[in-house]
């Protein structure tokens, strides 16, 4: 394909007739784009990149050297794909046996994938997520999560901080409420009584809780790689207490996100409505007690992060 005024294709690259290439996109030496592929504007396709037919690539995407994008891949805008990242589209490949259709893999807007990572088919890499170099991604990744390892596990969230200070110290140092960067969210220290017989933590709903609970539930025996929550509520308030072990909680108001460490039964985390929350890094012995202001109502849940940010923005 010859170069024109809208994009640049290196003389050693191959762009098959029928491929759609956006304005100002650059395709460098030995890249090869098949006829059905669609590549957006302002992309940088580096050396030795192969793009198959049923592939959609958004705008301002960087694809570093040695990457193959196979049928079924959907790449959003502003995505970074590091060198030698490996995508797959068939969980049970056999020579000369082609499935009736390939699983779609979605790399959402602003996600970054580090060098030599491997992405299994049919997964979604959430908006703004970061995959560490060399990671093997076997499960879908929430928006803004940072994952590393084999299999890849969540170690934190982008721009959320990483709390290492004891939540007891953090809360008590600021007169029973940690200063939170997330609107309405706070860590609250509950009364704790100690003597030679042990320790007792107590809470009075009328004075220690920001709301009157209507129900409670307990989460336990969670494999450490699992992520729970991943939703917000329209109306329901929640109060989280880790009665044993430790967990990390992400709280996100649509503009600011922050990570909280819960590892004592005399510290509670208050989550008001319209806060996106995720719990991760459960210790093997973790037990999470949650008090809720409302009875269970599936209509009260917002389970899509994009819908949440849109809804939260409209209420601010």
Protein backbone atom coordinates (compact mmCIF):
# COMPACT_ATOMS: atom_id res chain seq x y z
CA UNK A 1 0.00 0.00 0.00
CA UNK A 2 1.37 3.38 -0.92
CA UNK A 3 1.72 6.18 1.59
CA UNK A 4 -0.68 9.07 1.33
CA UNK A 5 -1.27 12.38 3.07
CA UNK A 6 -3.22 10.85 5.94
CA UNK A 7 -0.90 8.10 7.24
CA UNK A 8 2.58 6.65 6.88
CA UNK A 9 3.36 3.04 5.95
CA UNK A 10 7.01 1.97 5.79
CA UNK A 11 8.18 0.59 2.47
CA UNK A 12 9.00 -2.74 4.18
CA UNK A 13 5.51 -3.04 5.70
CA UNK A 14 2.54 -4.86 4.14
CA UNK A 15 -1.00 -3.50 4.35
CA UNK A 16 -3.40 -5.71 2.41
CA UNK A 17 -6.04 -4.17 0.16
CA UNK A 18 -9.21 -3.62 2.19
CA UNK A 19 -7.58 -2.84 5.53
CA UNK A 20 -8.75 0.46 7.01
CA UNK A 21 -6.07 2.73 8.44
CA UNK A 22 -6.90 5.97 10.26
CA UNK A 23 -5.37 9.39 9.79
CA UNK A 24 -1.82 9.99 11.05
CA UNK A 25 -1.29 6.33 11.91
CA UNK A 26 2.24 5.03 11.33
CA UNK A 27 3.08 1.48 10.32
CA UNK A 28 6.75 0.59 10.58
CA UNK A 29 9.03 -1.98 8.94
CA UNK A 30 7.82 -5.58 8.63
CA UNK A 31 4.40 -4.88 10.11
CA UNK A 32 1.63 -6.77 8.30
CA UNK A 33 -2.06 -5.81 8.37
CA UNK A 34 -4.65 -8.15 6.81
CA UNK A 35 -7.62 -7.00 4.67
CA UNK A 36 -10.39 -7.02 7.29
CA UNK A 37 -8.51 -5.15 10.03
CA UNK A 38 -9.56 -1.70 11.20
CA UNK A 39 -6.91 0.53 12.77
CA UNK A 40 -7.84 3.96 14.15
CA UNK A 41 -6.14 7.34 13.98
CA UNK A 42 -2.82 8.44 15.51
CA UNK A 43 -1.71 4.86 16.16
CA UNK A 44 1.91 3.69 16.21
CA UNK A 45 2.36 0.17 14.79
CA UNK A 46 5.97 -0.83 15.44
CA UNK A 47 8.23 -3.32 13.66
CA UNK A 48 7.15 -6.95 13.26
CA UNK A 49 3.52 -6.40 14.32
CA UNK A 50 0.93 -8.70 12.72
CA UNK A 51 -2.78 -7.71 12.70
CA UNK A 52 -5.29 -10.34 11.55
CA UNK A 53 -8.64 -9.74 9.81
CA UNK A 54 -11.25 -9.59 12.60
CA UNK A 55 -9.39 -7.02 14.69
CA UNK A 56 -10.51 -3.54 15.71
CA UNK A 57 -7.94 -1.07 17.03
CA UNK A 58 -9.03 2.30 18.42
CA UNK A 59 -7.37 5.71 18.24
CA UNK A 60 -3.97 6.69 19.69
CA UNK A 61 -2.95 3.08 20.32
CA UNK A 62 0.71 2.10 20.63
CA UNK A 63 1.64 -1.46 19.66
CA UNK A 64 5.31 -2.19 20.29
CA UNK A 65 7.51 -4.65 18.38
CA UNK A 66 6.80 -8.36 18.09
CA UNK A 67 3.06 -8.34 18.86
CA UNK A 68 0.40 -10.37 17.02
CA UNK A 69 -3.24 -9.29 17.18
CA UNK A 70 -5.42 -12.30 16.33
CA UNK A 71 -9.03 -12.53 15.16
CA UNK A 72 -11.52 -11.49 17.84
CA UNK A 73 -9.39 -8.80 19.49
CA UNK A 74 -11.05 -5.46 20.27
CA UNK A 75 -8.68 -2.69 21.38
CA UNK A 76 -10.04 0.60 22.73
CA UNK A 77 -8.59 4.10 22.55
CA UNK A 78 -5.27 5.19 24.13
CA UNK A 79 -4.15 1.61 24.81
CA UNK A 80 -0.47 0.69 25.23
CA UNK A 81 0.63 -2.83 24.23
CA UNK A 82 4.23 -3.57 25.16
CA UNK A 83 6.81 -5.55 23.20
CA UNK A 84 6.15 -9.25 22.62
CA UNK A 85 2.77 -9.28 24.34
CA UNK A 86 0.98 -12.52 23.41
CA UNK A 87 -2.76 -12.62 22.74
CA UNK A 88 -4.67 -15.88 22.28
CA UNK A 89 -8.11 -16.57 20.83
CA UNK A 90 -8.60 -20.34 21.23
CA UNK A 91 -8.42 -22.12 24.59
CA UNK A 92 -8.10 -25.55 22.99
CA UNK A 93 -6.09 -25.07 19.77
CA UNK A 94 -5.52 -27.99 17.39
CA UNK A 95 -3.49 -27.97 14.21
CA UNK A 96 -5.65 -27.42 11.12
CA UNK A 97 -8.84 -27.27 13.21
CA UNK A 98 -10.49 -23.86 13.16
CA UNK A 99 -13.33 -23.08 15.59
CA UNK A 100 -16.63 -21.79 14.21
CA UNK A 101 -15.88 -18.45 15.86
CA UNK A 102 -13.08 -17.02 17.95
CA UNK A 103 -13.65 -15.67 21.44
CA UNK A 104 -13.56 -11.89 21.62
CA UNK A 105 -10.99 -10.30 23.91
CA UNK A 106 -11.58 -6.66 24.89
CA UNK A 107 -8.81 -4.26 25.87
CA UNK A 108 -10.69 -1.23 27.11
CA UNK A 109 -9.72 2.43 26.85
CA UNK A 110 -6.43 3.57 28.44
CA UNK A 111 -5.35 0.07 29.51
CA UNK A 112 -1.63 -0.75 29.43
CA UNK A 113 -0.11 -4.21 28.96
CA UNK A 114 3.54 -4.72 29.88
CA UNK A 115 6.17 -6.54 27.83
CA UNK A 116 5.87 -10.31 27.41
CA UNK A 117 2.48 -10.55 29.11
CA UNK A 118 0.13 -13.31 27.94
CA UNK A 119 -3.63 -12.72 27.66
CA UNK A 120 -5.98 -15.72 27.50
CA UNK A 121 -8.97 -15.52 25.13
CA UNK A 122 -12.42 -14.20 25.93
CA UNK A 123 -11.30 -11.82 28.69
CA UNK A 124 -11.81 -8.12 29.31
CA UNK A 125 -8.99 -5.85 30.44
CA UNK A 126 -10.85 -3.02 32.19
CA UNK A 127 -10.55 0.67 31.44
CA UNK A 128 -7.29 2.14 32.74
CA UNK A 129 -6.01 -1.22 34.02
CA UNK A 130 -2.29 -2.04 34.04
CA UNK A 131 -0.87 -5.52 33.38
CA UNK A 132 2.66 -6.05 34.68
CA UNK A 133 5.44 -7.30 32.42
CA UNK A 134 5.50 -11.08 32.06
CA UNK A 135 2.08 -11.58 33.67
CA UNK A 136 -0.25 -14.37 32.56
CA UNK A 137 -3.82 -13.06 32.59
CA UNK A 138 -6.33 -15.88 33.11
CA UNK A 139 -9.31 -13.82 34.33
CA UNK A 140 -10.93 -10.53 33.36
CA UNK A 141 -9.43 -7.49 35.07
CA UNK A 142 -11.50 -4.71 36.67
CA UNK A 143 -11.15 -1.08 35.62
CA UNK A 144 -7.99 0.63 36.93
CA UNK A 145 -6.64 -2.55 38.57
CA UNK A 146 -2.90 -3.29 38.64
CA UNK A 147 -2.15 -7.00 38.13
CA UNK A 148 1.10 -8.94 38.17
CA UNK A 149 2.26 -12.54 38.27
CA UNK A 150 1.34 -15.97 36.94
CA UNK A 151 -1.58 -16.18 37.24
CA UNK A 152 -2.01 -12.41 37.35
CA UNK A 153 -3.48 -11.11 40.61
CA UNK A 154 -4.53 -7.65 41.73
CA UNK A 155 -1.89 -5.85 43.77
CA UNK A 156 -3.48 -2.40 43.80
CA UNK A 157 -5.32 0.19 41.75
CA UNK A 158 -4.07 3.08 39.62
CA UNK A 159 -3.96 6.42 41.49
CA UNK A 160 -5.46 4.84 44.65
CA UNK A 161 -2.37 4.92 46.88
CA UNK A 162 -1.27 1.92 48.93
CA UNK A 163 -2.02 2.17 52.62
CA UNK A 164 0.59 0.54 54.84
CA UNK A 165 -0.01 2.43 58.07
CA UNK A 166 -2.11 0.61 60.64
CA UNK A 167 -5.75 1.67 60.14
CA UNK A 168 -6.06 1.84 63.93
CA UNK A 169 -3.30 4.47 64.07
CA UNK A 170 -4.67 6.30 61.03
CA UNK A 171 -8.16 6.51 62.47
CA UNK A 172 -7.30 7.31 66.07
CA UNK A 173 -4.64 9.86 65.08
CA UNK A 174 -7.36 11.88 63.39
CA UNK A 175 -9.96 11.67 66.14
CA UNK A 176 -11.73 8.49 65.09
CA UNK A 177 -12.04 9.29 61.41
CA UNK A 178 -9.29 8.98 58.81
CA UNK A 179 -9.24 11.83 56.35
CA UNK A 180 -10.40 10.23 53.11
CA UNK A 181 -9.87 11.61 49.64
CA UNK A 182 -13.06 9.86 48.44
CA UNK A 183 -16.28 11.79 48.97
CA UNK A 184 -18.22 10.57 52.02
CA UNK A 185 -15.96 7.58 52.75
CA UNK A 186 -14.30 7.29 56.16
CA UNK A 187 -12.51 4.87 58.46
CA UNK A 188 -14.12 4.86 61.89
CA UNK A 189 -12.49 3.54 65.06
CA UNK A 190 -14.89 1.57 67.27
CA UNK A 191 -14.56 1.42 71.06
CA UNK A 192 -12.10 -1.29 72.14
CA UNK A 193 -11.73 -2.68 75.66
CA UNK A 194 -8.67 -4.70 76.70
CA UNK A 195 -7.82 -6.61 79.86
CA UNK A 196 -6.07 -9.81 80.85
CA UNK A 197 -8.96 -11.85 79.44
CA UNK A 198 -8.57 -10.47 75.92
CA UNK A 199 -10.02 -7.69 73.80
CA UNK A 200 -13.60 -6.66 73.08
CA UNK A 201 -14.70 -4.34 70.30
CA UNK A 202 -18.23 -2.91 70.48
CA UNK A 203 -20.41 -0.66 68.39
CA UNK A 204 -23.73 1.04 69.10
CA UNK A 205 -25.84 1.52 66.01
CA UNK A 206 -27.39 4.76 67.19
CA UNK A 207 -24.09 6.50 68.01
CA UNK A 208 -21.21 4.70 66.27
CA UNK A 209 -22.80 4.01 62.87
CA UNK A 210 -23.60 6.62 60.20
CA UNK A 211 -26.90 4.79 59.48
CA UNK A 212 -29.27 2.26 61.06
CA UNK A 213 -28.50 -1.21 59.59
CA UNK A 214 -31.31 -3.36 58.24
CA UNK A 215 -29.23 -6.46 57.50
CA UNK A 216 -25.72 -7.90 57.66
CA UNK A 217 -23.70 -10.50 55.79
CA UNK A 218 -20.31 -12.14 56.28
CA UNK A 219 -17.77 -12.93 53.54
CA UNK A 220 -15.17 -15.58 54.34
CA UNK A 221 -13.18 -18.47 52.82
CA UNK A 222 -12.34 -16.27 49.82
CA UNK A 223 -9.39 -17.43 47.69
CA UNK A 224 -6.80 -14.65 47.78
CA UNK A 225 -6.88 -14.20 44.00
CA UNK A 226 -10.61 -13.41 43.98
CA UNK A 227 -12.03 -9.90 43.76
CA UNK A 228 -15.38 -9.17 45.35
CA UNK A 229 -17.69 -6.19 45.27
CA UNK A 230 -17.15 -4.49 41.92
CA UNK A 231 -20.32 -2.45 42.21
CA UNK A 232 -21.90 0.68 43.64
CA UNK A 233 -25.33 1.28 45.20
CA UNK A 234 -27.90 3.93 44.36
CA UNK A 235 -29.29 4.10 47.90
CA UNK A 236 -27.66 1.56 50.20
CA UNK A 237 -25.06 2.56 52.83
CA UNK A 238 -22.52 -0.04 53.99
CA UNK A 239 -20.19 -0.41 56.97
CA UNK A 240 -17.33 -2.93 56.61
CA UNK A 241 -15.45 -4.58 59.49
CA UNK A 242 -12.71 -7.15 58.94
CA UNK A 243 -13.22 -9.32 62.04
CA UNK A 244 -10.26 -11.57 61.25
CA UNK A 245 -7.27 -11.49 58.89
CA UNK A 246 -6.90 -8.63 56.44
CA UNK A 247 -8.36 -7.32 53.19
CA UNK A 248 -7.88 -4.28 51.00
CA UNK A 249 -10.80 -2.18 49.81
CA UNK A 250 -10.89 0.18 46.84
CA UNK A 251 -13.33 3.08 47.13
CA UNK A 252 -14.00 5.28 44.09
CA UNK A 253 -16.42 8.22 43.81
CA UNK A 254 -16.03 8.59 40.05
CA UNK A 255 -13.30 11.24 40.32
CA UNK A 256 -11.01 10.05 43.13
CA UNK A 257 -10.12 6.52 44.18
CA UNK A 258 -8.37 5.36 47.33
CA UNK A 259 -7.24 2.04 48.79
CA UNK A 260 -7.97 1.15 52.42
CA UNK A 261 -6.39 -1.62 54.48
CA UNK A 262 -8.71 -3.37 56.97
CA UNK A 263 -6.94 -5.68 59.40
CA UNK A 264 -8.49 -5.07 62.84
CA UNK A 265 -12.00 -5.76 64.22
CA UNK A 266 -12.17 -2.35 65.92
CA UNK A 267 -11.96 -0.37 62.65
CA UNK A 268 -14.91 0.06 60.28
CA UNK A 269 -14.98 1.48 56.77
CA UNK A 270 -18.08 3.49 55.91
CA UNK A 271 -19.19 3.47 52.27
CA UNK A 272 -22.10 5.80 51.40
CA UNK A 273 -24.27 5.36 48.29
CA UNK A 274 -22.75 6.04 44.87
CA UNK A 275 -19.29 4.77 45.82
CA UNK A 276 -17.76 2.10 43.62
CA UNK A 277 -16.14 -0.50 45.90
CA UNK A 278 -13.98 -3.56 45.34
CA UNK A 279 -12.43 -5.88 47.93
CA UNK A 280 -9.24 -7.75 47.12
CA UNK A 281 -6.10 -9.30 48.63
CA UNK A 282 -8.04 -11.34 51.17
CA UNK A 283 -5.76 -13.17 53.59
CA UNK A 284 -6.49 -16.89 53.85
CA UNK A 285 -8.20 -16.41 57.23
CA UNK A 286 -10.05 -13.17 56.38
CA UNK A 287 -13.63 -12.70 57.54
CA UNK A 288 -15.49 -9.56 56.44
CA UNK A 289 -18.64 -8.42 58.27
CA UNK A 290 -20.82 -5.99 56.32
CA UNK A 291 -23.76 -4.01 57.72
CA UNK A 292 -26.20 -2.57 55.16
CA UNK A 293 -28.85 0.13 55.44
CA UNK A 294 -31.29 -1.60 53.07
CA UNK A 295 -32.52 -5.09 52.38
CA UNK A 296 -31.15 -6.75 49.26
CA UNK A 297 -32.51 -5.20 46.06
CA UNK A 298 -30.84 -6.10 42.73
CA UNK A 299 -32.16 -2.86 41.23
CA UNK A 300 -30.05 -0.87 43.71
CA UNK A 301 -26.78 -2.19 42.24
CA UNK A 302 -24.65 -0.55 39.56
CA UNK A 303 -22.37 -3.30 38.26
CA UNK A 304 -20.84 -1.61 35.21
CA UNK A 305 -18.03 0.84 36.00
CA UNK A 306 -18.66 2.96 32.90
CA UNK A 307 -22.34 3.33 33.82
CA UNK A 308 -21.29 4.19 37.37
CA UNK A 309 -18.92 6.99 36.33
CA UNK A 310 -21.58 8.43 34.01
CA UNK A 311 -24.25 8.27 36.73
CA UNK A 312 -21.92 9.69 39.39
CA UNK A 313 -20.92 12.55 37.11
CA UNK A 314 -24.54 13.46 36.44
CA UNK A 315 -25.22 13.74 40.20
CA UNK A 316 -22.25 15.98 40.97
